[in-house]
Amino acid sequence: GEEMDVGLATGDTEYSMMGAHMYTGTALACGCPLGLLYEEMKVYAKQMVEYNQQYTDTYNRPLRQAVLNLLGRSADPVKLIGEEMDESKMLDNAEDIRNEIFNNMAYLYRMYLEYLFGEYELAAESAS
């Protein structure tokens, strides 16, 4: 998107990569084709690492794993476990605000998957 190009052109890689994160979340919510979206997400993930934006890459992992789950590429469609992350190893290891933000993102996308797959009680637990 344009915000990513502007960020890169001005040397503001943090802004650019956060724009990529926001764009991919919005694209998922708007119903973009999942296969194409995930391919685009992989490009952004690579850039996040290349531009030393590990926190943005980490925040984006639950979103990428949610897309993989929706594509049927996870053993359990409502758990964020697969190619991009393993929630059992990453959640609640928070000691600072960055990890708290990650946890919020992970619980949000886990709740989204639980809702979409009809696991309403689990979704309510994830929401609390």
Foldseek 3Di string as FASTA:
>chain_A
DVQLVVCVVVVNNLRNLVVVLVVLVVCVVVPPPLVVSLVSVVVSLVSCVVSVVVLSNLLSLLVSLLSCLVVVQDPDSLASDHDRDHCVVQQPPDDDVSSVSSNVSNLVSSLVSCVVVVVNVVSVVSVD
